[in-house]
PDB file of N, CA and C in Angstrom:
ATOM      1  N   MET A   1     109.527 179.941  51.485  1.00  0.00           N
ATOM      2  CA  MET A   1     109.335 179.238  50.235  1.00  0.00           C
ATOM      3  C   MET A   1     110.673 178.708  49.728  1.00  0.00           C
ATOM      4  N   ASP A   2     110.676 177.443  49.393  1.00  0.00           N
ATOM      5  CA  ASP A   2     111.841 176.858  48.743  1.00  0.00           C
ATOM      6  C   ASP A   2     112.067 177.620  47.433  1.00  0.00           C
ATOM      7  N   HIS A   3     113.273 177.593  46.921  1.00  0.00           N
ATOM      8  CA  HIS A   3     113.592 178.403  45.737  1.00  0.00           C
ATOM      9  C   HIS A   3     112.956 177.875  44.451  1.00  0.00           C
ATOM     10  N   HIS A   4     112.390 176.687  44.454  1.00  0.00           N
ATOM     11  CA  HIS A   4     111.752 176.144  43.248  1.00  0.00           C
ATOM     12  C   HIS A   4     110.252 176.443  43.170  1.00  0.00           C
ATOM     13  N   ILE A   5     109.700 177.089  44.162  1.00  0.00           N
ATOM     14  CA  ILE A   5     108.256 177.348  44.186  1.00  0.00           C
ATOM     15  C   ILE A   5     107.913 178.414  43.144  1.00  0.00           C
ATOM     16  N   PRO A   6     106.889 178.160  42.331  1.00  0.00           N
ATOM     17  CA  PRO A   6     106.494 179.155  41.326  1.00  0.00           C
ATOM     18  C   PRO A   6     106.116 180.498  41.963  1.00  0.00           C
ATOM     19  N   ARG A   7     106.611 181.561  41.364  1.00  0.00           N
ATOM     20  CA  ARG A   7     106.353 182.917  41.872  1.00  0.00           C
ATOM     21  C   ARG A   7     104.863 183.228  42.037  1.00  0.00           C
ATOM     22  N   PRO A   8     103.974 182.766  41.154  1.00  0.00           N
ATOM     23  CA  PRO A   8     102.551 183.073  41.350  1.00  0.00           C
ATOM     24  C   PRO A   8     101.984 182.563  42.682  1.00  0.00           C
ATOM     25  N   ILE A   9     102.554 181.507  43.243  1.00  0.00           N
ATOM     26  CA  ILE A   9     102.087 181.040  44.552  1.00  0.00           C
ATOM     27  C   ILE A   9     102.462 182.059  45.616  1.00  0.00           C
ATOM     28  N   THR A  10     103.701 182.507  45.608  1.00  0.00           N
ATOM     29  CA  THR A  10     104.142 183.525  46.565  1.00  0.00           C
ATOM     30  C   THR A  10     103.322 184.796  46.415  1.00  0.00           C
ATOM     31  N   GLU A  11     103.142 185.251  45.191  1.00  0.00           N
ATOM     32  CA  GLU A  11     102.390 186.484  44.950  1.00  0.00           C
ATOM     33  C   GLU A  11     100.933 186.342  45.389  1.00  0.00           C
ATOM     34  N   GLY A  12     100.334 185.181  45.112  1.00  0.00           N
ATOM     35  CA  GLY A  12      98.946 184.951  45.513  1.00  0.00           C
ATOM     36  C   GLY A  12      98.783 184.982  47.025  1.00  0.00           C
ATOM     37  N   LEU A  13      99.719 184.413  47.738  1.00  0.00           N
ATOM     38  CA  LEU A  13      99.652 184.435  49.199  1.00  0.00           C
ATOM     39  C   LEU A  13      99.841 185.849  49.739  1.00  0.00           C
ATOM     40  N   ARG A  14     100.748 186.577  49.156  1.00  0.00           N
ATOM     41  CA  ARG A  14     100.963 187.956  49.617  1.00  0.00           C
ATOM     42  C   ARG A  14      99.743 188.832  49.366  1.00  0.00           C
ATOM     43  N   ARG A  15      99.047 188.599  48.256  1.00  0.00           N
ATOM     44  CA  ARG A  15      97.806 189.348  47.993  1.00  0.00           C
ATOM     45  C   ARG A  15      96.750 189.044  49.049  1.00  0.00           C
ATOM     46  N   ARG A  16      96.886 187.909  49.714  1.00  0.00           N
ATOM     47  CA  ARG A  16      95.954 187.514  50.777  1.00  0.00           C
ATOM     48  C   ARG A  16      96.521 187.843  52.163  1.00  0.00           C
ATOM     49  N   ASP A  17      97.540 188.682  52.189  1.00  0.00           N
ATOM     50  CA  ASP A  17      98.182 189.133  53.430  1.00  0.00           C
ATOM     51  C   ASP A  17      98.815 188.011  54.245  1.00  0.00           C
ATOM     52  N   ILE A  18      99.324 186.995  53.565  1.00  0.00           N
ATOM     53  CA  ILE A  18     100.064 185.929  54.231  1.00  0.00           C
ATOM     54  C   ILE A  18     101.544 186.306  54.195  1.00  0.00           C
ATOM     55  N   ASP A  19     102.199 186.271  55.338  1.00  0.00           N
ATOM     56  CA  ASP A  19     103.606 186.629  55.467  1.00  0.00           C
ATOM     57  C   ASP A  19     104.467 185.519  54.868  1.00  0.00           C
ATOM     58  N   VAL A  20     105.147 185.835  53.771  1.00  0.00           N
ATOM     59  CA  VAL A  20     105.948 184.863  53.038  1.00  0.00           C
ATOM     60  C   VAL A  20     107.346 185.429  52.808  1.00  0.00           C
ATOM     61  N   VAL A  21     108.343 184.580  53.010  1.00  0.00           N
ATOM     62  CA  VAL A  21     109.730 184.915  52.678  1.00  0.00           C
ATOM     63  C   VAL A  21     110.238 183.813  51.766  1.00  0.00           C
ATOM     64  N   THR A  22     110.798 184.199  50.639  1.00  0.00           N
ATOM     65  CA  THR A  22     111.362 183.198  49.737  1.00  0.00           C
ATOM     66  C   THR A  22     112.828 182.949  50.087  1.00  0.00           C
ATOM     67  N   ALA A  23     113.314 181.785  49.707  1.00  0.00           N
ATOM     68  CA  ALA A  23     114.731 181.470  49.924  1.00  0.00           C
ATOM     69  C   ALA A  23     115.602 182.502  49.211  1.00  0.00           C
ATOM     70  N   TYR A  24     115.172 182.919  48.029  1.00  0.00           N
ATOM     71  CA  TYR A  24     115.935 183.918  47.281  1.00  0.00           C
ATOM     72  C   TYR A  24     116.027 185.237  48.053  1.00  0.00           C
ATOM     73  N   GLU A  25     114.904 185.714  48.582  1.00  0.00           N
ATOM     74  CA  GLU A  25     114.885 186.984  49.318  1.00  0.00           C
ATOM     75  C   GLU A  25     115.754 186.912  50.574  1.00  0.00           C
ATOM     76  N   ASP A  26     115.826 185.739  51.173  1.00  0.00           N
ATOM     77  CA  ASP A  26     116.588 185.548  52.400  1.00  0.00           C
ATOM     78  C   ASP A  26     118.078 185.308  52.125  1.00  0.00           C
ATOM     79  N   GLY A  27     118.442 185.179  50.861  1.00  0.00           N
ATOM     80  CA  GLY A  27     119.819 184.891  50.520  1.00  0.00           C
ATOM     81  C   GLY A  27     120.168 183.417  50.704  1.00  0.00           C
ATOM     82  N   ALA A  28     119.131 182.573  50.768  1.00  0.00           N
ATOM     83  CA  ALA A  28     119.332 181.154  51.033  1.00  0.00           C
ATOM     84  C   ALA A  28     119.067 180.274  49.817  1.00  0.00           C
ATOM     85  N   ALA A  29     118.911 180.853  48.654  1.00  0.00           N
ATOM     86  CA  ALA A  29     118.544 180.084  47.460  1.00  0.00           C
ATOM     87  C   ALA A  29     119.620 179.090  47.046  1.00  0.00           C
ATOM     88  N   GLU A  30     120.855 179.339  47.398  1.00  0.00           N
ATOM     89  CA  GLU A  30     121.949 178.448  47.005  1.00  0.00           C
ATOM     90  C   GLU A  30     122.271 177.392  48.063  1.00  0.00           C
ATOM     91  N   LEU A  31     121.576 177.440  49.194  1.00  0.00           N
ATOM     92  CA  LEU A  31     121.852 176.471  50.249  1.00  0.00           C
ATOM     93  C   LEU A  31     121.376 175.083  49.836  1.00  0.00           C
ATOM     94  N   ASP A  32     122.085 174.052  50.297  1.00  0.00           N
ATOM     95  CA  ASP A  32     121.590 172.706  50.059  1.00  0.00           C
ATOM     96  C   ASP A  32     120.357 172.494  50.943  1.00  0.00           C
ATOM     97  N   ASP A  33     119.647 171.408  50.710  1.00  0.00           N
ATOM     98  CA  ASP A  33     118.361 171.204  51.371  1.00  0.00           C
ATOM     99  C   ASP A  33     118.466 171.155  52.897  1.00  0.00           C
ATOM    100  N   ASP A  34     119.491 170.482  53.424  1.00  0.00           N
ATOM    101  CA  ASP A  34     119.675 170.445  54.882  1.00  0.00           C
ATOM    102  C   ASP A  34     119.826 171.844  55.465  1.00  0.00           C
ATOM    103  N   ARG A  35     120.660 172.626  54.835  1.00  0.00           N
ATOM    104  CA  ARG A  35     120.915 173.983  55.342  1.00  0.00           C
ATOM    105  C   ARG A  35     119.712 174.888  55.150  1.00  0.00           C
ATOM    106  N   LEU A  36     118.935 174.667  54.085  1.00  0.00           N
ATOM    107  CA  LEU A  36     117.718 175.457  53.885  1.00  0.00           C
ATOM    108  C   LEU A  36     116.707 175.162  54.985  1.00  0.00           C
ATOM    109  N   LEU A  37     116.545 173.899  55.330  1.00  0.00           N
ATOM    110  CA  LEU A  37     115.643 173.535  56.419  1.00  0.00           C
ATOM    111  C   LEU A  37     116.144 174.093  57.751  1.00  0.00           C
ATOM    112  N   GLU A  38     117.443 174.052  57.961  1.00  0.00           N
ATOM    113  CA  GLU A  38     118.048 174.666  59.156  1.00  0.00           C
ATOM    114  C   GLU A  38     117.745 176.156  59.204  1.00  0.00           C
ATOM    115  N   ARG A  39     117.928 176.823  58.069  1.00  0.00           N
ATOM    116  CA  ARG A  39     117.700 178.277  58.006  1.00  0.00           C
ATOM    117  C   ARG A  39     116.249 178.609  58.298  1.00  0.00           C
ATOM    118  N   ALA A  40     115.314 177.889  57.702  1.00  0.00           N
ATOM    119  CA  ALA A  40     113.896 178.134  57.965  1.00  0.00           C
ATOM    120  C   ALA A  40     113.595 177.940  59.452  1.00  0.00           C
ATOM    121  N   SER A  41     114.179 176.906  60.043  1.00  0.00           N
ATOM    122  CA  SER A  41     113.949 176.636  61.463  1.00  0.00           C
ATOM    123  C   SER A  41     114.549 177.724  62.336  1.00  0.00           C
ATOM    124  N   LEU A  42     115.725 178.209  61.974  1.00  0.00           N
ATOM    125  CA  LEU A  42     116.347 179.305  62.710  1.00  0.00           C
ATOM    126  C   LEU A  42     115.456 180.542  62.696  1.00  0.00           C
ATOM    127  N   LEU A  43     114.802 180.778  61.564  1.00  0.00           N
ATOM    128  CA  LEU A  43     113.897 181.922  61.433  1.00  0.00           C
ATOM    129  C   LEU A  43     112.520 181.649  62.037  1.00  0.00           C
ATOM    130  N   GLY A  44     112.274 180.408  62.451  1.00  0.00           N
ATOM    131  CA  GLY A  44     110.969 180.050  63.013  1.00  0.00           C
ATOM    132  C   GLY A  44     109.885 179.986  61.957  1.00  0.00           C
ATOM    133  N   ARG A  45     110.270 179.629  60.723  1.00  0.00           N
ATOM    134  CA  ARG A  45     109.326 179.613  59.612  1.00  0.00           C
ATOM    135  C   ARG A  45     109.114 178.205  59.094  1.00  0.00           C
ATOM    136  N   VAL A  46     107.883 177.927  58.755  1.00  0.00           N
ATOM    137  CA  VAL A  46     107.540 176.672  58.103  1.00  0.00           C
ATOM    138  C   VAL A  46     107.993 176.785  56.652  1.00  0.00           C
ATOM    139  N   LEU A  47     108.597 175.730  56.146  1.00  0.00           N
ATOM    140  CA  LEU A  47     109.107 175.734  54.781  1.00  0.00           C
ATOM    141  C   LEU A  47     108.110 175.032  53.859  1.00  0.00           C
ATOM    142  N   PHE A  48     107.777 175.669  52.738  1.00  0.00           N
ATOM    143  CA  PHE A  48     106.958 175.037  51.709  1.00  0.00           C
ATOM    144  C   PHE A  48     107.874 174.622  50.578  1.00  0.00           C
ATOM    145  N   SER A  49     107.750 173.359  50.159  1.00  0.00           N
ATOM    146  CA  SER A  49     108.614 172.843  49.113  1.00  0.00           C
ATOM    147  C   SER A  49     107.865 171.853  48.234  1.00  0.00           C
ATOM    148  N   GLN A  50     108.360 171.720  47.016  1.00  0.00           N
ATOM    149  CA  GLN A  50     107.887 170.696  46.103  1.00  0.00           C
ATOM    150  C   GLN A  50     109.057 169.786  45.719  1.00  0.00           C
ATOM    151  N   ASP A  51     110.090 169.805  46.530  1.00  0.00           N
ATOM    152  CA  ASP A  51     111.319 169.055  46.316  1.00  0.00           C
ATOM    153  C   ASP A  51     111.265 167.760  47.127  1.00  0.00           C
ATOM    154  N   ARG A  52     111.165 166.643  46.442  1.00  0.00           N
ATOM    155  CA  ARG A  52     111.058 165.350  47.129  1.00  0.00           C
ATOM    156  C   ARG A  52     112.278 165.073  48.005  1.00  0.00           C
ATOM    157  N   ASP A  53     113.460 165.501  47.584  1.00  0.00           N
ATOM    158  CA  ASP A  53     114.656 165.298  48.400  1.00  0.00           C
ATOM    159  C   ASP A  53     114.507 165.977  49.766  1.00  0.00           C
ATOM    160  N   LEU A  54     113.921 167.151  49.783  1.00  0.00           N
ATOM    161  CA  LEU A  54     113.708 167.867  51.038  1.00  0.00           C
ATOM    162  C   LEU A  54     112.703 167.120  51.916  1.00  0.00           C
ATOM    163  N   LEU A  55     111.716 166.521  51.308  1.00  0.00           N
ATOM    164  CA  LEU A  55     110.750 165.703  52.053  1.00  0.00           C
ATOM    165  C   LEU A  55     111.469 164.530  52.722  1.00  0.00           C
ATOM    166  N   VAL A  56     112.367 163.882  52.019  1.00  0.00           N
ATOM    167  CA  VAL A  56     113.129 162.757  52.578  1.00  0.00           C
ATOM    168  C   VAL A  56     113.990 163.226  53.755  1.00  0.00           C
ATOM    169  N   ILE A  57     114.661 164.352  53.584  1.00  0.00           N
ATOM    170  CA  ILE A  57     115.508 164.898  54.649  1.00  0.00           C
ATOM    171  C   ILE A  57     114.671 165.236  55.877  1.00  0.00           C
ATOM    172  N   THR A  58     113.557 165.890  55.668  1.00  0.00           N
ATOM    173  CA  THR A  58     112.702 166.278  56.793  1.00  0.00           C
ATOM    174  C   THR A  58     112.162 165.051  57.511  1.00  0.00           C
ATOM    175  N   HIS A  59     111.777 164.039  56.764  1.00  0.00           N
ATOM    176  CA  HIS A  59     111.316 162.801  57.385  1.00  0.00           C
ATOM    177  C   HIS A  59     112.432 162.188  58.240  1.00  0.00           C
ATOM    178  N   HIS A  60     113.655 162.212  57.733  1.00  0.00           N
ATOM    179  CA  HIS A  60     114.798 161.702  58.497  1.00  0.00           C
ATOM    180  C   HIS A  60     114.986 162.506  59.787  1.00  0.00           C
ATOM    181  N   TRP A  61     114.894 163.815  59.694  1.00  0.00           N
ATOM    182  CA  TRP A  61     115.004 164.650  60.893  1.00  0.00           C
ATOM    183  C   TRP A  61     113.922 164.280  61.892  1.00  0.00           C
ATOM    184  N   LEU A  62     112.726 164.041  61.401  1.00  0.00           N
ATOM    185  CA  LEU A  62     111.596 163.707  62.271  1.00  0.00           C
ATOM    186  C   LEU A  62     111.865 162.408  63.036  1.00  0.00           C
ATOM    187  N   ILE A  63     112.299 161.376  62.340  1.00  0.00           N
ATOM    188  CA  ILE A  63     112.480 160.087  63.015  1.00  0.00           C
ATOM    189  C   ILE A  63     113.739 160.047  63.891  1.00  0.00           C
ATOM    190  N   THR A  64     114.687 160.950  63.647  1.00  0.00           N
ATOM    191  CA  THR A  64     115.891 160.983  64.480  1.00  0.00           C
ATOM    192  C   THR A  64     115.789 162.020  65.597  1.00  0.00           C
ATOM    193  N   GLY A  65     114.666 162.720  65.680  1.00  0.00           N
ATOM    194  CA  GLY A  65     114.450 163.672  66.761  1.00  0.00           C
ATOM    195  C   GLY A  65     115.103 165.026  66.557  1.00  0.00           C
ATOM    196  N   ARG A  66     115.538 165.319  65.360  1.00  0.00           N
ATOM    197  CA  ARG A  66     116.130 166.639  65.087  1.00  0.00           C
ATOM    198  C   ARG A  66     115.003 167.649  64.895  1.00  0.00           C
ATOM    199  N   GLU A  67     115.061 168.724  65.628  1.00  0.00           N
ATOM    200  CA  GLU A  67     114.015 169.748  65.618  1.00  0.00           C
ATOM    201  C   GLU A  67     113.998 170.519  64.302  1.00  0.00           C
ATOM    202  N   PHE A  68     112.787 170.848  63.829  1.00  0.00           N
ATOM    203  CA  PHE A  68     112.612 171.721  62.671  1.00  0.00           C
ATOM    204  C   PHE A  68     111.284 172.440  62.811  1.00  0.00           C
ATOM    205  N   SER A  69     111.137 173.526  62.088  1.00  0.00           N
ATOM    206  CA  SER A  69     109.968 174.384  62.267  1.00  0.00           C
ATOM    207  C   SER A  69     108.747 173.935  61.484  1.00  0.00           C
ATOM    208  N   GLY A  70     108.878 172.899  60.685  1.00  0.00           N
ATOM    209  CA  GLY A  70     107.740 172.368  59.937  1.00  0.00           C
ATOM    210  C   GLY A  70     107.985 172.421  58.447  1.00  0.00           C
ATOM    211  N   LEU A  71     107.344 171.499  57.752  1.00  0.00           N
ATOM    212  CA  LEU A  71     107.434 171.437  56.295  1.00  0.00           C
ATOM    213  C   LEU A  71     106.044 171.209  55.729  1.00  0.00           C
ATOM    214  N   ILE A  72     105.739 171.952  54.687  1.00  0.00           N
ATOM    215  CA  ILE A  72     104.548 171.692  53.879  1.00  0.00           C
ATOM    216  C   ILE A  72     105.061 171.250  52.527  1.00  0.00           C
ATOM    217  N   TYR A  73     104.578 170.090  52.087  1.00  0.00           N
ATOM    218  CA  TYR A  73     105.072 169.500  50.843  1.00  0.00           C
ATOM    219  C   TYR A  73     103.920 169.263  49.882  1.00  0.00           C
ATOM    220  N   ALA A  74     104.164 169.585  48.622  1.00  0.00           N
ATOM    221  CA  ALA A  74     103.208 169.282  47.547  1.00  0.00           C
ATOM    222  C   ALA A  74     103.994 168.808  46.337  1.00  0.00           C
ATOM    223  N   HIS A  75     103.614 167.678  45.798  1.00  0.00           N
ATOM    224  CA  HIS A  75     104.244 167.196  44.569  1.00  0.00           C
ATOM    225  C   HIS A  75     103.851 168.137  43.436  1.00  0.00           C
ATOM    226  N   GLN A  76     104.784 168.469  42.572  1.00  0.00           N
ATOM    227  CA  GLN A  76     104.553 169.443  41.500  1.00  0.00           C
ATOM    228  C   GLN A  76     103.411 169.066  40.578  1.00  0.00           C
ATOM    229  N   LEU A  77     103.220 167.789  40.342  1.00  0.00           N
ATOM    230  CA  LEU A  77     102.198 167.367  39.386  1.00  0.00           C
ATOM    231  C   LEU A  77     100.829 167.140  40.018  1.00  0.00           C
ATOM    232  N   ASN A  78     100.746 167.206  41.346  1.00  0.00           N
ATOM    233  CA  ASN A  78      99.492 166.882  42.019  1.00  0.00           C
ATOM    234  C   ASN A  78      98.727 168.083  42.545  1.00  0.00           C
ATOM    235  N   ILE A  79      99.179 169.288  42.231  1.00  0.00           N
ATOM    236  CA  ILE A  79      98.498 170.472  42.754  1.00  0.00           C
ATOM    237  C   ILE A  79      98.624 171.628  41.763  1.00  0.00           C
ATOM    238  N   THR A  80      97.546 172.357  41.606  1.00  0.00           N
ATOM    239  CA  THR A  80      97.575 173.555  40.767  1.00  0.00           C
ATOM    240  C   THR A  80      98.061 174.743  41.596  1.00  0.00           C
ATOM    241  N   ILE A  81      98.427 175.798  40.922  1.00  0.00           N
ATOM    242  CA  ILE A  81      98.855 177.009  41.622  1.00  0.00           C
ATOM    243  C   ILE A  81      97.716 177.545  42.489  1.00  0.00           C
ATOM    244  N   GLY A  82      96.522 177.598  41.932  1.00  0.00           N
ATOM    245  CA  GLY A  82      95.373 178.095  42.696  1.00  0.00           C
ATOM    246  C   GLY A  82      95.088 177.263  43.927  1.00  0.00           C
ATOM    247  N   ARG A  83      95.149 175.949  43.783  1.00  0.00           N
ATOM    248  CA  ARG A  83      94.900 175.057  44.924  1.00  0.00           C
ATOM    249  C   ARG A  83      95.989 175.219  45.968  1.00  0.00           C
ATOM    250  N   ALA A  84      97.248 175.374  45.537  1.00  0.00           N
ATOM    251  CA  ALA A  84      98.343 175.579  46.484  1.00  0.00           C
ATOM    252  C   ALA A  84      98.119 176.859  47.284  1.00  0.00           C
ATOM    253  N   ILE A  85      97.715 177.920  46.615  1.00  0.00           N
ATOM    254  CA  ILE A  85      97.461 179.193  47.306  1.00  0.00           C
ATOM    255  C   ILE A  85      96.344 179.020  48.328  1.00  0.00           C
ATOM    256  N   ARG A  86      95.238 178.416  47.919  1.00  0.00           N
ATOM    257  CA  ARG A  86      94.097 178.230  48.841  1.00  0.00           C
ATOM    258  C   ARG A  86      94.487 177.364  50.044  1.00  0.00           C
ATOM    259  N   ASP A  87      95.174 176.257  49.783  1.00  0.00           N
ATOM    260  CA  ASP A  87      95.539 175.363  50.885  1.00  0.00           C
ATOM    261  C   ASP A  87      96.571 175.995  51.813  1.00  0.00           C
ATOM    262  N   LEU A  88      97.560 176.681  51.264  1.00  0.00           N
ATOM    263  CA  LEU A  88      98.560 177.346  52.102  1.00  0.00           C
ATOM    264  C   LEU A  88      97.932 178.472  52.923  1.00  0.00           C
ATOM    265  N   GLU A  89      97.011 179.199  52.325  1.00  0.00           N
ATOM    266  CA  GLU A  89      96.310 180.249  53.077  1.00  0.00           C
ATOM    267  C   GLU A  89      95.536 179.634  54.242  1.00  0.00           C
ATOM    268  N   MET A  90      94.856 178.535  53.986  1.00  0.00           N
ATOM    269  CA  MET A  90      94.079 177.872  55.029  1.00  0.00           C
ATOM    270  C   MET A  90      94.994 177.409  56.173  1.00  0.00           C
ATOM    271  N   LEU A  91      96.124 176.827  55.830  1.00  0.00           N
ATOM    272  CA  LEU A  91      97.059 176.373  56.865  1.00  0.00           C
ATOM    273  C   LEU A  91      97.621 177.549  57.660  1.00  0.00           C
ATOM    274  N   ALA A  92      97.950 178.634  56.966  1.00  0.00           N
ATOM    275  CA  ALA A  92      98.494 179.819  57.646  1.00  0.00           C
ATOM    276  C   ALA A  92      97.487 180.405  58.633  1.00  0.00           C
ATOM    277  N   GLN A  93      96.219 180.318  58.295  1.00  0.00           N
ATOM    278  CA  GLN A  93      95.187 180.848  59.178  1.00  0.00           C
ATOM    279  C   GLN A  93      94.826 179.885  60.299  1.00  0.00           C
ATOM    280  N   ALA A  94      94.955 178.588  60.055  1.00  0.00           N
ATOM    281  CA  ALA A  94      94.513 177.587  61.022  1.00  0.00           C
ATOM    282  C   ALA A  94      95.572 177.224  62.062  1.00  0.00           C
ATOM    283  N   PHE A  95      96.844 177.299  61.677  1.00  0.00           N
ATOM    284  CA  PHE A  95      97.912 176.837  62.559  1.00  0.00           C
ATOM    285  C   PHE A  95      98.776 177.987  63.045  1.00  0.00           C
ATOM    286  N   ASP A  96      99.172 177.902  64.300  1.00  0.00           N
ATOM    287  CA  ASP A  96     100.238 178.751  64.821  1.00  0.00           C
ATOM    288  C   ASP A  96     101.556 178.072  64.466  1.00  0.00           C
ATOM    289  N   PRO A  97     102.651 178.821  64.425  1.00  0.00           N
ATOM    290  CA  PRO A  97     103.941 178.189  64.112  1.00  0.00           C
ATOM    291  C   PRO A  97     104.246 176.981  65.011  1.00  0.00           C
ATOM    292  N   GLU A  98     103.890 177.063  66.268  1.00  0.00           N
ATOM    293  CA  GLU A  98     104.170 175.950  67.186  1.00  0.00           C
ATOM    294  C   GLU A  98     103.393 174.689  66.806  1.00  0.00           C
ATOM    295  N   ASP A  99     102.217 174.858  66.209  1.00  0.00           N
ATOM    296  CA  ASP A  99     101.426 173.709  65.757  1.00  0.00           C
ATOM    297  C   ASP A  99     102.157 172.922  64.665  1.00  0.00           C
ATOM    298  N   MET A 100     102.976 173.594  63.900  1.00  0.00           N
ATOM    299  CA  MET A 100     103.683 172.962  62.779  1.00  0.00           C
ATOM    300  C   MET A 100     105.065 172.428  63.163  1.00  0.00           C
ATOM    301  N   ARG A 101     105.509 172.766  64.352  1.00  0.00           N
ATOM    302  CA  ARG A 101     106.850 172.345  64.786  1.00  0.00           C
ATOM    303  C   ARG A 101     106.976 170.826  64.699  1.00  0.00           C
ATOM    304  N   ASN A 102     108.046 170.363  64.036  1.00  0.00           N
ATOM    305  CA  ASN A 102     108.327 168.934  63.871  1.00  0.00           C
ATOM    306  C   ASN A 102     107.171 168.194  63.198  1.00  0.00           C
ATOM    307  N   HIS A 103     106.542 168.857  62.253  1.00  0.00           N
ATOM    308  CA  HIS A 103     105.376 168.298  61.555  1.00  0.00           C
ATOM    309  C   HIS A 103     105.557 168.451  60.044  1.00  0.00           C
ATOM    310  N   ILE A 104     105.103 167.455  59.317  1.00  0.00           N
ATOM    311  CA  ILE A 104     105.073 167.508  57.847  1.00  0.00           C
ATOM    312  C   ILE A 104     103.621 167.480  57.423  1.00  0.00           C
ATOM    313  N   GLU A 105     103.234 168.466  56.637  1.00  0.00           N
ATOM    314  CA  GLU A 105     101.859 168.555  56.099  1.00  0.00           C
ATOM    315  C   GLU A 105     101.929 168.368  54.603  1.00  0.00           C
ATOM    316  N   PHE A 106     100.993 167.616  54.048  1.00  0.00           N
ATOM    317  CA  PHE A 106     100.971 167.337  52.610  1.00  0.00           C
ATOM    318  C   PHE A 106      99.830 168.062  51.932  1.00  0.00           C
ATOM    319  N   LEU A 107     100.114 168.627  50.776  1.00  0.00           N
ATOM    320  CA  LEU A 107      99.094 169.264  49.938  1.00  0.00           C
ATOM    321  C   LEU A 107      98.913 168.426  48.671  1.00  0.00           C
ATOM    322  N   PRO A 108      97.751 168.416  48.068  1.00  0.00           N
ATOM    323  CA  PRO A 108      96.565 169.160  48.465  1.00  0.00           C
ATOM    324  C   PRO A 108      95.941 168.560  49.717  1.00  0.00           C
ATOM    325  N   LEU A 109      95.228 169.445  50.454  1.00  0.00           N
ATOM    326  CA  LEU A 109      94.547 169.006  51.673  1.00  0.00           C
ATOM    327  C   LEU A 109      93.415 168.075  51.349  1.00  0.00           C
TER     328      LEU A 109
END
């Protein structure tokens, strides 16, 4: 989870037994967006963000062939906390990490 994600989303996913690590818990909350995406990829984790700048960076990585572990993006004003939890849970159950490699998924589904 990017460091700007509301805590209720993380808590809701954990209540549903979805394995979640926040940037804060990983000690990565102060990293710039490039380094945060690098860190998530190093850990083999898909990054969830509502930061448009991170979406731009990830898109650039995609078109230049730079590998990343995947990004799920939701605009802050276009999704409720409940919908984010439901959609993220569905993606976590439907996709293996390799399915998300070098892929950007948009929420709401």
